Amino acid sequence: MTTAKDIQTDFIKTYLKPTLKEHGFKTSGQTWWKSKGDFFLVINLQNSQWNSKEELSFCLNIGVALTEKLADKEKKKATYVDLATQVREDAYLTEERQQIKKSQGGWLGYKITDKTNLSEFITDFKIDLEDNILKILNSFETLHDCITFYQKFGFWGDNLKRQIEDCGLKTN
């Protein structure tokens, strides 16, 4: 019998990892990162603690980590805890995409059940990842680009600015 976890594992293996690799992201476990020089783009898949064999829900924690502040001494790998901006996938989605995702019943974000059709799930998820999330992330060329995007999130925009100042980095 196929479980929700089996379907999620196939989704990660056949779609998510290859797509993010194609976009220049490296991976360790369920975290992907891409160096942009002074900063890293980070995507982390977080599963709900309430997941079962029949259904599961997960979200994407997405943001920017400053290279200077990475826990990795070699400054080659960014993790979720390195993030200066910790926002979820909805921050990158249009209002319409947020409503479609919510209508599918995921309590944390996206929902997969043991009855989920993998190809339909990927087709839908692809709109969020490739047409929304990666489109925005790939537009970040400078720290100024990052500040411009994250300033609308109050605390996270302020936190990013503060960390940039603490590191003595230039924003243009």
Foldseek 3Di string as FASTA:
>chain_A
DQFLVNLVVCCCVVPVVVVVVVVAWDDDDQKTWHDLDQKIKIKGKAWDPPADRFKTAIWIWIAIAGLVQAPPPVSPDHDPVRGLATDILVLFDDPVLQVVQVVCPHPHTHMTGSPDDNVVVSVSVCCSVVVTVCVLVVVPNFQLSRLVSCVVVPNSSVSSVVVCVVVVHDGD
